[in-house]
Amino acid sequence: MNPSELEARIPKLKAKERDVALRELGYYYLQLYLKERKDELIRKSISFYSQVIKKDCVVLNNLGLCYMYLGNCEDSMEVFNSAREVCKNEDEYMLDFNYSLALLNCNRPSEAYIVIKSLLKQKKDPHFIRLFGRVCLSLSKRDLSYVMEAVPLLESLDQPVEELILSYILLAKDHDKKLIEKALQLAEENGDKKLLAEALLVKGDLRSLEKALSIFRETGDVRGEARALYLLSSFQQDRLPEALSVVEKLGESDKKEILYDMYKRTKISSLLKEAIRIAEKQGDWLFLARGYRELSKTENEVDNLRKAVEFYEKYIEFKNK
């Protein structure tokens, strides 16, 4: 029976049969959403799952995921918490995994880390390890040691996964350059052009950067193209105007970081000021502290240093909330 026919029959069904039909429809639209990523599909899934009278662990888990995919973090957390009264034994693994996933998607990686790490102590499931890797990558801006913690677990998997390659790239960039060859090899083996290009950027020689630029253009990755052109401009000065032209096509978050990097090399103050303008619009206190400190080196030293301190204090206050 197709979904439309099943949906039409719901009003005529008895309670138990109705719950079965609602579950089937909720699951159908959830799976369809995962393929097509259309919000109306996830809303349909929520509608059907919400009507189920006897909500078991599976229904509550899927409903929590639906809210997560829709970006409704509070409802997602509420559903997962209520599921704890229903889920038992093996079901608890699924609940904790999805709860950690929701925390990560709701930009709460520190909490996600606690949940998934606790889960890994009970069971070294490959899915759990990969999610742990994603969480640690998300936390890497705070402390690279999170990524170092994840790498041995990711290396224990039978097949090299994206999270491991990303970890190698990140560690090669900020910790151990030798790891870039591992990242390149695994990206090649996996046939992952995007990760291959990212690894080539970190390798950073002229030939690697040219190859990365070619891949980014082939895959339509404008952000990657801008970064490759910017790095190439260190070798070929005539690439800088081209890089600036591509940067203008980026979203403001990506644009801000690249403009700042360009300023650091060129010392063109207009690049830094544009990056600061974007950061002020976004309320990125840490970036503003860094930006105004940098600006104080060339103009209005006292005022700009004062602003740098004020924004850093705002960042600390926000971080400690």
C-alpha atoms as a PDB file:
ATOM      1  CA  MET A   1       0.000   0.000   0.000  1.00  0.00           C
ATOM      2  CA  ASN A   2       1.415   3.378  -0.959  1.00  0.00           C
ATOM      3  CA  PRO A   3       1.696   6.200   1.630  1.00  0.00           C
ATOM      4  CA  SER A   4      -1.248   8.175   0.257  1.00  0.00           C
ATOM      5  CA  GLU A   5      -3.563   5.177   0.499  1.00  0.00           C
ATOM      6  CA  LEU A   6      -2.343   4.358   3.999  1.00  0.00           C
ATOM      7  CA  GLU A   7      -2.828   7.955   5.102  1.00  0.00           C
ATOM      8  CA  ALA A   8      -6.383   7.956   3.748  1.00  0.00           C
ATOM      9  CA  ARG A   9      -7.213   4.843   5.776  1.00  0.00           C
ATOM     10  CA  ILE A  10      -6.005   6.190   9.134  1.00  0.00           C
ATOM     11  CA  PRO A  11      -9.358   7.663  10.305  1.00  0.00           C
ATOM     12  CA  LYS A  12     -11.005   4.266   9.796  1.00  0.00           C
ATOM     13  CA  LEU A  13      -8.438   2.248  11.750  1.00  0.00           C
ATOM     14  CA  LYS A  14      -8.684   1.072  15.344  1.00  0.00           C
ATOM     15  CA  ALA A  15      -6.207   2.428  17.897  1.00  0.00           C
ATOM     16  CA  LYS A  16      -3.592  -0.325  17.623  1.00  0.00           C
ATOM     17  CA  GLU A  17      -3.742  -0.505  13.828  1.00  0.00           C
ATOM     18  CA  ARG A  18      -3.740   3.280  13.670  1.00  0.00           C
ATOM     19  CA  ASP A  19      -0.517   3.445  15.680  1.00  0.00           C
ATOM     20  CA  VAL A  20       1.112   0.939  13.330  1.00  0.00           C
ATOM     21  CA  ALA A  21       0.093   2.988  10.289  1.00  0.00           C
ATOM     22  CA  LEU A  22       1.269   6.248  11.858  1.00  0.00           C
ATOM     23  CA  ARG A  23       4.637   4.688  12.684  1.00  0.00           C
ATOM     24  CA  GLU A  24       5.031   3.448   9.124  1.00  0.00           C
ATOM     25  CA  LEU A  25       4.205   6.853   7.692  1.00  0.00           C
ATOM     26  CA  GLY A  26       6.481   8.637  10.150  1.00  0.00           C
ATOM     27  CA  TYR A  27       9.350   6.352   9.201  1.00  0.00           C
ATOM     28  CA  TYR A  28       8.601   6.621   5.478  1.00  0.00           C
ATOM     29  CA  TYR A  29       8.760  10.416   5.480  1.00  0.00           C
ATOM     30  CA  LEU A  30      11.840  10.460   7.713  1.00  0.00           C
ATOM     31  CA  GLN A  31      13.698   8.228   5.253  1.00  0.00           C
ATOM     32  CA  LEU A  32      12.440  10.295   2.323  1.00  0.00           C
ATOM     33  CA  TYR A  33      13.693  13.440   4.049  1.00  0.00           C
ATOM     34  CA  LEU A  34      17.148  11.905   4.479  1.00  0.00           C
ATOM     35  CA  LYS A  35      17.264  11.399   0.710  1.00  0.00           C
ATOM     36  CA  GLU A  36      15.747  14.694  -0.429  1.00  0.00           C
ATOM     37  CA  ARG A  37      16.374  17.041   2.546  1.00  0.00           C
ATOM     38  CA  LYS A  38      13.079  18.880   2.140  1.00  0.00           C
ATOM     39  CA  ASP A  39      11.673  20.369   5.348  1.00  0.00           C
ATOM     40  CA  GLU A  40       8.072  19.587   4.440  1.00  0.00           C
ATOM     41  CA  LEU A  41       8.956  15.882   4.553  1.00  0.00           C
ATOM     42  CA  ILE A  42      10.372  16.047   8.064  1.00  0.00           C
ATOM     43  CA  ARG A  43       7.329  18.026   9.195  1.00  0.00           C
ATOM     44  CA  LYS A  44       5.115  15.251   7.856  1.00  0.00           C
ATOM     45  CA  SER A  45       7.176  12.703   9.741  1.00  0.00           C
ATOM     46  CA  ILE A  46       6.803  14.720  12.953  1.00  0.00           C
ATOM     47  CA  SER A  47       3.063  15.001  12.387  1.00  0.00           C
ATOM     48  CA  PHE A  48       2.604  11.244  12.052  1.00  0.00           C
ATOM     49  CA  TYR A  49       4.964  10.258  14.862  1.00  0.00           C
ATOM     50  CA  SER A  50       3.348  12.802  17.199  1.00  0.00           C
ATOM     51  CA  GLN A  51      -0.054  11.159  16.715  1.00  0.00           C
ATOM     52  CA  VAL A  52       1.156   7.732  17.853  1.00  0.00           C
ATOM     53  CA  ILE A  53      -0.566   7.000  21.164  1.00  0.00           C
ATOM     54  CA  LYS A  54       1.857   4.391  22.517  1.00  0.00           C
ATOM     55  CA  LYS A  55       5.243   5.908  21.758  1.00  0.00           C
ATOM     56  CA  ASP A  56       7.985   3.345  22.292  1.00  0.00           C
ATOM     57  CA  CYS A  57      11.742   3.926  22.213  1.00  0.00           C
ATOM     58  CA  VAL A  58      11.967   3.753  18.416  1.00  0.00           C
ATOM     59  CA  VAL A  59       9.201   6.307  17.897  1.00  0.00           C
ATOM     60  CA  LEU A  60      10.678   8.704  20.462  1.00  0.00           C
ATOM     61  CA  ASN A  61      14.171   8.328  19.034  1.00  0.00           C
ATOM     62  CA  ASN A  62      12.979   9.056  15.521  1.00  0.00           C
ATOM     63  CA  LEU A  63      10.819  11.940  16.690  1.00  0.00           C
ATOM     64  CA  GLY A  64      13.812  13.451  18.494  1.00  0.00           C
ATOM     65  CA  LEU A  65      15.873  13.123  15.322  1.00  0.00           C
ATOM     66  CA  CYS A  66      13.110  14.765  13.292  1.00  0.00           C
ATOM     67  CA  TYR A  67      13.142  17.809  15.549  1.00  0.00           C
ATOM     68  CA  MET A  68      16.937  17.869  15.338  1.00  0.00           C
ATOM     69  CA  TYR A  69      16.906  17.834  11.531  1.00  0.00           C
ATOM     70  CA  LEU A  70      14.365  20.641  11.584  1.00  0.00           C
ATOM     71  CA  GLY A  71      16.691  22.668  13.821  1.00  0.00           C
ATOM     72  CA  ASN A  72      14.295  22.626  16.760  1.00  0.00           C
ATOM     73  CA  CYS A  73      16.855  21.840  19.442  1.00  0.00           C
ATOM     74  CA  GLU A  74      14.706  22.353  22.532  1.00  0.00           C
ATOM     75  CA  ASP A  75      11.991  19.965  21.364  1.00  0.00           C
ATOM     76  CA  SER A  76      14.632  17.476  20.277  1.00  0.00           C
ATOM     77  CA  MET A  77      16.278  17.475  23.717  1.00  0.00           C
ATOM     78  CA  GLU A  78      12.895  17.235  25.441  1.00  0.00           C
ATOM     79  CA  VAL A  79      11.890  14.183  23.406  1.00  0.00           C
ATOM     80  CA  PHE A  80      15.205  12.422  23.982  1.00  0.00           C
ATOM     81  CA  ASN A  81      15.003  13.075  27.708  1.00  0.00           C
ATOM     82  CA  SER A  82      11.462  11.716  27.897  1.00  0.00           C
ATOM     83  CA  ALA A  83      12.623   8.643  25.970  1.00  0.00           C
ATOM     84  CA  ARG A  84      14.862   7.678  28.891  1.00  0.00           C
ATOM     85  CA  GLU A  85      11.777   6.557  30.772  1.00  0.00           C
ATOM     86  CA  VAL A  86      10.930   4.153  27.950  1.00  0.00           C
ATOM     87  CA  CYS A  87      14.222   2.906  26.500  1.00  0.00           C
ATOM     88  CA  LYS A  88      15.854  -0.092  28.137  1.00  0.00           C
ATOM     89  CA  ASN A  89      19.048  -2.115  27.667  1.00  0.00           C
ATOM     90  CA  GLU A  90      20.167  -2.105  24.001  1.00  0.00           C
ATOM     91  CA  ASP A  91      17.698   0.662  23.217  1.00  0.00           C
ATOM     92  CA  GLU A  92      19.666   2.930  25.540  1.00  0.00           C
ATOM     93  CA  TYR A  93      22.666   2.700  23.227  1.00  0.00           C
ATOM     94  CA  MET A  94      20.573   3.997  20.341  1.00  0.00           C
ATOM     95  CA  LEU A  95      19.142   6.731  22.544  1.00  0.00           C
ATOM     96  CA  ASP A  96      22.532   7.917  23.794  1.00  0.00           C
ATOM     97  CA  PHE A  97      23.959   7.848  20.277  1.00  0.00           C
ATOM     98  CA  ASN A  98      21.108   9.941  18.882  1.00  0.00           C
ATOM     99  CA  TYR A  99      21.146  12.237  21.894  1.00  0.00           C
ATOM    100  CA  SER A 100      24.849  12.896  21.361  1.00  0.00           C
ATOM    101  CA  LEU A 101      24.221  13.463  17.655  1.00  0.00           C
ATOM    102  CA  ALA A 102      21.488  15.971  18.493  1.00  0.00           C
ATOM    103  CA  LEU A 103      23.736  17.797  20.953  1.00  0.00           C
ATOM    104  CA  LEU A 104      26.419  18.073  18.289  1.00  0.00           C
ATOM    105  CA  ASN A 105      23.955  19.339  15.689  1.00  0.00           C
ATOM    106  CA  CYS A 106      22.592  21.829  18.211  1.00  0.00           C
ATOM    107  CA  ASN A 107      26.096  23.262  18.701  1.00  0.00           C
ATOM    108  CA  ARG A 108      26.627  21.717  22.128  1.00  0.00           C
ATOM    109  CA  PRO A 109      29.751  19.643  21.415  1.00  0.00           C
ATOM    110  CA  SER A 110      31.051  19.585  24.996  1.00  0.00           C
ATOM    111  CA  GLU A 111      27.890  17.855  26.178  1.00  0.00           C
ATOM    112  CA  ALA A 112      27.929  15.580  23.140  1.00  0.00           C
ATOM    113  CA  TYR A 113      31.493  14.593  24.040  1.00  0.00           C
ATOM    114  CA  ILE A 114      30.490  13.486  27.540  1.00  0.00           C
ATOM    115  CA  VAL A 115      27.588  11.376  26.266  1.00  0.00           C
ATOM    116  CA  ILE A 116      29.390   9.657  23.396  1.00  0.00           C
ATOM    117  CA  LYS A 117      32.555   9.034  25.421  1.00  0.00           C
ATOM    118  CA  SER A 118      30.500   7.351  28.117  1.00  0.00           C
ATOM    119  CA  LEU A 119      28.804   5.259  25.451  1.00  0.00           C
ATOM    120  CA  LEU A 120      32.149   4.165  24.008  1.00  0.00           C
ATOM    121  CA  LYS A 121      33.194   2.831  27.401  1.00  0.00           C
ATOM    122  CA  GLN A 122      30.298   0.414  27.140  1.00  0.00           C
ATOM    123  CA  LYS A 123      30.524  -0.514  23.474  1.00  0.00           C
ATOM    124  CA  LYS A 124      33.126   0.162  20.754  1.00  0.00           C
ATOM    125  CA  ASP A 125      30.637   0.272  17.905  1.00  0.00           C
ATOM    126  CA  PRO A 126      32.021   1.746  14.626  1.00  0.00           C
ATOM    127  CA  HIS A 127      29.123   4.211  14.451  1.00  0.00           C
ATOM    128  CA  PHE A 128      29.903   5.390  17.970  1.00  0.00           C
ATOM    129  CA  ILE A 129      33.586   5.802  17.104  1.00  0.00           C
ATOM    130  CA  ARG A 130      32.798   7.863  14.017  1.00  0.00           C
ATOM    131  CA  LEU A 131      30.472  10.143  15.949  1.00  0.00           C
ATOM    132  CA  PHE A 132      33.137  10.512  18.636  1.00  0.00           C
ATOM    133  CA  GLY A 133      35.517  11.556  15.871  1.00  0.00           C
ATOM    134  CA  ARG A 134      33.056  14.164  14.605  1.00  0.00           C
ATOM    135  CA  VAL A 135      32.534  15.533  18.107  1.00  0.00           C
ATOM    136  CA  CYS A 136      36.279  15.762  18.718  1.00  0.00           C
ATOM    137  CA  LEU A 137      36.788  17.537  15.395  1.00  0.00           C
ATOM    138  CA  SER A 138      34.117  20.018  16.433  1.00  0.00           C
ATOM    139  CA  LEU A 139      35.984  20.637  19.690  1.00  0.00           C
ATOM    140  CA  SER A 140      39.370  20.995  18.004  1.00  0.00           C
ATOM    141  CA  LYS A 141      39.220  24.793  17.926  1.00  0.00           C
ATOM    142  CA  ARG A 142      39.253  24.763  21.702  1.00  0.00           C
ATOM    143  CA  ASP A 143      41.885  22.093  22.127  1.00  0.00           C
ATOM    144  CA  LEU A 144      43.633  19.924  19.552  1.00  0.00           C
ATOM    145  CA  SER A 145      44.055  17.175  22.144  1.00  0.00           C
ATOM    146  CA  TYR A 146      40.462  16.115  21.472  1.00  0.00           C
ATOM    147  CA  VAL A 147      41.460  15.112  17.946  1.00  0.00           C
ATOM    148  CA  MET A 148      44.544  13.313  19.238  1.00  0.00           C
ATOM    149  CA  GLU A 149      42.257  11.338  21.534  1.00  0.00           C
ATOM    150  CA  ALA A 150      39.978  10.324  18.672  1.00  0.00           C
ATOM    151  CA  VAL A 151      42.668   9.229  16.205  1.00  0.00           C
ATOM    152  CA  PRO A 152      43.584   5.842  17.788  1.00  0.00           C
ATOM    153  CA  LEU A 153      39.917   4.851  17.879  1.00  0.00           C
ATOM    154  CA  LEU A 154      39.367   5.948  14.286  1.00  0.00           C
ATOM    155  CA  GLU A 155      42.495   4.052  13.224  1.00  0.00           C
ATOM    156  CA  SER A 156      41.080   0.894  14.816  1.00  0.00           C
ATOM    157  CA  LEU A 157      38.221   0.752  12.296  1.00  0.00           C
ATOM    158  CA  ASP A 158      38.431  -1.748   9.454  1.00  0.00           C
ATOM    159  CA  GLN A 159      38.153   0.940   6.787  1.00  0.00           C
ATOM    160  CA  PRO A 160      39.602   4.475   6.760  1.00  0.00           C
ATOM    161  CA  VAL A 161      36.787   6.958   7.317  1.00  0.00           C
ATOM    162  CA  GLU A 162      36.317  10.638   6.597  1.00  0.00           C
ATOM    163  CA  GLU A 163      36.744  11.575  10.254  1.00  0.00           C
ATOM    164  CA  LEU A 164      40.199   9.980  10.349  1.00  0.00           C
ATOM    165  CA  ILE A 165      41.338  11.772   7.193  1.00  0.00           C
ATOM    166  CA  LEU A 166      40.060  15.090   8.544  1.00  0.00           C
ATOM    167  CA  SER A 167      41.881  14.424  11.809  1.00  0.00           C
ATOM    168  CA  TYR A 168      45.147  13.767   9.975  1.00  0.00           C
ATOM    169  CA  ILE A 169      44.682  16.968   7.958  1.00  0.00           C
ATOM    170  CA  LEU A 170      44.024  19.019  11.063  1.00  0.00           C
ATOM    171  CA  LEU A 171      46.936  17.541  12.989  1.00  0.00           C
ATOM    172  CA  ALA A 172      49.239  17.963   9.992  1.00  0.00           C
ATOM    173  CA  LYS A 173      48.288  21.612   9.799  1.00  0.00           C
ATOM    174  CA  ASP A 174      48.798  22.433  13.464  1.00  0.00           C
ATOM    175  CA  HIS A 175      50.865  19.655  14.991  1.00  0.00           C
ATOM    176  CA  ASP A 176      52.665  17.087  12.822  1.00  0.00           C
ATOM    177  CA  LYS A 177      53.336  17.794   9.129  1.00  0.00           C
ATOM    178  CA  LYS A 178      54.260  14.153   8.508  1.00  0.00           C
ATOM    179  CA  LEU A 179      50.614  13.148   8.830  1.00  0.00           C
ATOM    180  CA  ILE A 180      49.712  14.924   5.605  1.00  0.00           C
ATOM    181  CA  GLU A 181      51.077  12.034   3.552  1.00  0.00           C
ATOM    182  CA  LYS A 182      48.755   9.657   5.417  1.00  0.00           C
ATOM    183  CA  ALA A 183      45.838  11.977   4.746  1.00  0.00           C
ATOM    184  CA  LEU A 184      46.692  12.193   1.050  1.00  0.00           C
ATOM    185  CA  GLN A 185      47.016   8.433   0.735  1.00  0.00           C
ATOM    186  CA  LEU A 186      43.701   7.701   2.460  1.00  0.00           C
ATOM    187  CA  ALA A 187      41.855  10.398   0.527  1.00  0.00           C
ATOM    188  CA  GLU A 188      43.187   8.925  -2.722  1.00  0.00           C
ATOM    189  CA  GLU A 189      42.187   5.400  -1.671  1.00  0.00           C
ATOM    190  CA  ASN A 190      38.698   6.551  -0.702  1.00  0.00           C
ATOM    191  CA  GLY A 191      38.294   8.519  -3.920  1.00  0.00           C
ATOM    192  CA  ASP A 192      37.305  11.570  -1.892  1.00  0.00           C
ATOM    193  CA  LYS A 193      38.223  14.571  -4.030  1.00  0.00           C
ATOM    194  CA  LYS A 194      37.131  17.123  -1.452  1.00  0.00           C
ATOM    195  CA  LEU A 195      39.359  15.706   1.279  1.00  0.00           C
ATOM    196  CA  LEU A 196      42.180  15.207  -1.196  1.00  0.00           C
ATOM    197  CA  ALA A 197      42.029  18.895  -2.088  1.00  0.00           C
ATOM    198  CA  GLU A 198      41.971  19.875   1.594  1.00  0.00           C
ATOM    199  CA  ALA A 199      45.047  17.752   2.236  1.00  0.00           C
ATOM    200  CA  LEU A 200      46.819  19.266  -0.756  1.00  0.00           C
ATOM    201  CA  LEU A 201      46.156  22.741   0.659  1.00  0.00           C
ATOM    202  CA  VAL A 202      47.873  21.773   3.882  1.00  0.00           C
ATOM    203  CA  LYS A 203      50.825  20.240   2.027  1.00  0.00           C
ATOM    204  CA  GLY A 204      51.175  23.696   0.552  1.00  0.00           C
ATOM    205  CA  ASP A 205      53.795  23.410  -2.184  1.00  0.00           C
ATOM    206  CA  LEU A 206      53.101  25.018  -5.553  1.00  0.00           C
ATOM    207  CA  ARG A 207      52.261  21.781  -7.345  1.00  0.00           C
ATOM    208  CA  SER A 208      49.892  20.648  -4.576  1.00  0.00           C
ATOM    209  CA  LEU A 209      48.124  24.002  -4.504  1.00  0.00           C
ATOM    210  CA  GLU A 210      47.634  23.991  -8.272  1.00  0.00           C
ATOM    211  CA  LYS A 211      46.149  20.504  -8.057  1.00  0.00           C
ATOM    212  CA  ALA A 212      43.888  21.546  -5.165  1.00  0.00           C
ATOM    213  CA  LEU A 213      42.683  24.569  -7.142  1.00  0.00           C
ATOM    214  CA  SER A 214      41.846  22.333 -10.085  1.00  0.00           C
ATOM    215  CA  ILE A 215      39.815  19.987  -7.866  1.00  0.00           C
ATOM    216  CA  PHE A 216      37.939  22.819  -6.169  1.00  0.00           C
ATOM    217  CA  ARG A 217      37.014  24.305  -9.526  1.00  0.00           C
ATOM    218  CA  GLU A 218      35.993  20.912 -10.860  1.00  0.00           C
ATOM    219  CA  THR A 219      33.703  20.315  -7.871  1.00  0.00           C
ATOM    220  CA  GLY A 220      32.335  23.867  -7.767  1.00  0.00           C
ATOM    221  CA  ASP A 221      33.733  24.578  -4.299  1.00  0.00           C
ATOM    222  CA  VAL A 222      34.055  28.379  -4.282  1.00  0.00           C
ATOM    223  CA  ARG A 223      35.377  28.535  -0.732  1.00  0.00           C
ATOM    224  CA  GLY A 224      38.087  26.027  -1.567  1.00  0.00           C
ATOM    225  CA  GLU A 225      38.925  27.892  -4.759  1.00  0.00           C
ATOM    226  CA  ALA A 226      39.339  31.145  -2.831  1.00  0.00           C
ATOM    227  CA  ARG A 227      41.627  29.538  -0.264  1.00  0.00           C
ATOM    228  CA  ALA A 228      43.718  27.839  -2.936  1.00  0.00           C
ATOM    229  CA  LEU A 229      44.123  31.092  -4.875  1.00  0.00           C
ATOM    230  CA  TYR A 230      45.050  32.953  -1.722  1.00  0.00           C
ATOM    231  CA  LEU A 231      47.757  30.413  -0.871  1.00  0.00           C
ATOM    232  CA  LEU A 232      48.974  30.378  -4.466  1.00  0.00           C
ATOM    233  CA  SER A 233      49.383  34.150  -4.319  1.00  0.00           C
ATOM    234  CA  SER A 234      52.302  33.538  -1.950  1.00  0.00           C
ATOM    235  CA  PHE A 235      54.102  31.981  -4.912  1.00  0.00           C
ATOM    236  CA  GLN A 236      52.512  34.027  -7.686  1.00  0.00           C
ATOM    237  CA  GLN A 237      51.614  37.623  -6.779  1.00  0.00           C
ATOM    238  CA  ASP A 238      49.301  38.005  -9.762  1.00  0.00           C
ATOM    239  CA  ARG A 239      46.947  35.466  -8.148  1.00  0.00           C
ATOM    240  CA  LEU A 240      45.981  37.891  -5.364  1.00  0.00           C
ATOM    241  CA  PRO A 241      43.462  39.989  -7.361  1.00  0.00           C
ATOM    242  CA  GLU A 242      41.923  36.762  -8.635  1.00  0.00           C
ATOM    243  CA  ALA A 243      41.677  35.476  -5.069  1.00  0.00           C
ATOM    244  CA  LEU A 244      39.987  38.691  -3.907  1.00  0.00           C
ATOM    245  CA  SER A 245      37.513  38.409  -6.759  1.00  0.00           C
ATOM    246  CA  VAL A 246      36.519  34.894  -5.692  1.00  0.00           C
ATOM    247  CA  VAL A 247      36.387  35.876  -2.002  1.00  0.00           C
ATOM    248  CA  GLU A 248      33.614  38.343  -2.844  1.00  0.00           C
ATOM    249  CA  LYS A 249      31.403  35.395  -3.789  1.00  0.00           C
ATOM    250  CA  LEU A 250      31.710  33.771  -0.355  1.00  0.00           C
ATOM    251  CA  GLY A 251      29.394  33.850   2.613  1.00  0.00           C
ATOM    252  CA  GLU A 252      30.467  36.245   5.327  1.00  0.00           C
ATOM    253  CA  SER A 253      31.855  33.648   7.768  1.00  0.00           C
ATOM    254  CA  ASP A 254      34.249  32.193   5.198  1.00  0.00           C
ATOM    255  CA  LYS A 255      35.029  35.610   3.794  1.00  0.00           C
ATOM    256  CA  LYS A 256      35.991  36.992   7.197  1.00  0.00           C
ATOM    257  CA  GLU A 257      38.669  34.389   7.894  1.00  0.00           C
ATOM    258  CA  ILE A 258      40.237  34.605   4.449  1.00  0.00           C
ATOM    259  CA  LEU A 259      40.288  38.414   4.532  1.00  0.00           C
ATOM    260  CA  TYR A 260      42.062  38.285   7.880  1.00  0.00           C
ATOM    261  CA  ASP A 261      44.654  35.848   6.528  1.00  0.00           C
ATOM    262  CA  MET A 262      45.142  38.045   3.474  1.00  0.00           C
ATOM    263  CA  TYR A 263      45.666  41.064   5.689  1.00  0.00           C
ATOM    264  CA  LYS A 264      48.288  39.235   7.749  1.00  0.00           C
ATOM    265  CA  ARG A 265      50.347  38.716   4.614  1.00  0.00           C
ATOM    266  CA  THR A 266      49.644  41.890   2.658  1.00  0.00           C
ATOM    267  CA  LYS A 267      49.083  44.375   5.538  1.00  0.00           C
ATOM    268  CA  ILE A 268      46.334  46.032   3.488  1.00  0.00           C
ATOM    269  CA  SER A 269      44.248  47.562   6.289  1.00  0.00           C
ATOM    270  CA  SER A 270      41.022  47.638   4.273  1.00  0.00           C
ATOM    271  CA  LEU A 271      41.014  43.827   4.294  1.00  0.00           C
ATOM    272  CA  LEU A 272      41.253  43.749   8.080  1.00  0.00           C
ATOM    273  CA  LYS A 273      38.572  46.411   8.490  1.00  0.00           C
ATOM    274  CA  GLU A 274      36.169  44.491   6.273  1.00  0.00           C
ATOM    275  CA  ALA A 275      36.814  41.338   8.307  1.00  0.00           C
ATOM    276  CA  ILE A 276      36.130  43.299  11.511  1.00  0.00           C
ATOM    277  CA  ARG A 277      32.906  44.690  10.043  1.00  0.00           C
ATOM    278  CA  ILE A 278      31.669  41.172   9.329  1.00  0.00           C
ATOM    279  CA  ALA A 279      32.678  39.988  12.805  1.00  0.00           C
ATOM    280  CA  GLU A 280      30.783  42.866  14.430  1.00  0.00           C
ATOM    281  CA  LYS A 281      27.695  41.924  12.455  1.00  0.00           C
ATOM    282  CA  GLN A 282      28.040  38.303  13.605  1.00  0.00           C
ATOM    283  CA  GLY A 283      28.923  39.062  17.224  1.00  0.00           C
ATOM    284  CA  ASP A 284      32.151  37.076  16.948  1.00  0.00           C
ATOM    285  CA  TRP A 285      33.791  38.453  20.092  1.00  0.00           C
ATOM    286  CA  LEU A 286      36.990  36.423  19.902  1.00  0.00           C
ATOM    287  CA  PHE A 287      37.626  37.413  16.301  1.00  0.00           C
ATOM    288  CA  LEU A 288      36.961  41.061  17.167  1.00  0.00           C
ATOM    289  CA  ALA A 289      39.459  40.923  20.022  1.00  0.00           C
ATOM    290  CA  ARG A 290      42.040  39.528  17.624  1.00  0.00           C
ATOM    291  CA  GLY A 291      41.120  41.967  14.857  1.00  0.00           C
ATOM    292  CA  TYR A 292      41.257  45.123  16.958  1.00  0.00           C
ATOM    293  CA  ARG A 293      44.519  44.034  18.550  1.00  0.00           C
ATOM    294  CA  GLU A 294      45.957  43.681  15.061  1.00  0.00           C
ATOM    295  CA  LEU A 295      44.507  47.028  13.962  1.00  0.00           C
ATOM    296  CA  SER A 296      46.056  48.748  16.990  1.00  0.00           C
ATOM    297  CA  LYS A 297      49.492  48.061  15.527  1.00  0.00           C
ATOM    298  CA  THR A 298      48.862  50.482  12.668  1.00  0.00           C
ATOM    299  CA  GLU A 299      46.298  53.026  13.898  1.00  0.00           C
ATOM    300  CA  ASN A 300      44.580  54.403  17.021  1.00  0.00           C
ATOM    301  CA  GLU A 301      46.627  52.159  19.277  1.00  0.00           C
ATOM    302  CA  VAL A 302      44.971  53.033  22.602  1.00  0.00           C
ATOM    303  CA  ASP A 303      41.365  52.956  21.372  1.00  0.00           C
ATOM    304  CA  ASN A 304      41.784  49.761  19.405  1.00  0.00           C
ATOM    305  CA  LEU A 305      43.573  47.971  22.241  1.00  0.00           C
ATOM    306  CA  ARG A 306      40.753  49.007  24.562  1.00  0.00           C
ATOM    307  CA  LYS A 307      38.244  47.539  22.123  1.00  0.00           C
ATOM    308  CA  ALA A 308      40.302  44.354  21.880  1.00  0.00           C
ATOM    309  CA  VAL A 309      40.193  43.935  25.663  1.00  0.00           C
ATOM    310  CA  GLU A 310      36.460  44.665  25.822  1.00  0.00           C
ATOM    311  CA  PHE A 311      35.658  42.107  23.151  1.00  0.00           C
ATOM    312  CA  TYR A 312      37.870  39.497  24.767  1.00  0.00           C
ATOM    313  CA  GLU A 313      36.040  40.030  28.059  1.00  0.00           C
ATOM    314  CA  LYS A 314      32.740  39.564  26.210  1.00  0.00           C
ATOM    315  CA  TYR A 315      34.079  36.351  24.719  1.00  0.00           C
ATOM    316  CA  ILE A 316      35.094  35.008  28.158  1.00  0.00           C
ATOM    317  CA  GLU A 317      31.703  35.960  29.578  1.00  0.00           C
ATOM    318  CA  PHE A 318      29.915  34.203  26.703  1.00  0.00           C
ATOM    319  CA  LYS A 319      32.128  31.117  26.992  1.00  0.00           C
ATOM    320  CA  ASN A 320      31.437  30.768  30.720  1.00  0.00           C
ATOM    321  CA  LYS A 321      27.656  30.965  30.396  1.00  0.00           C
END
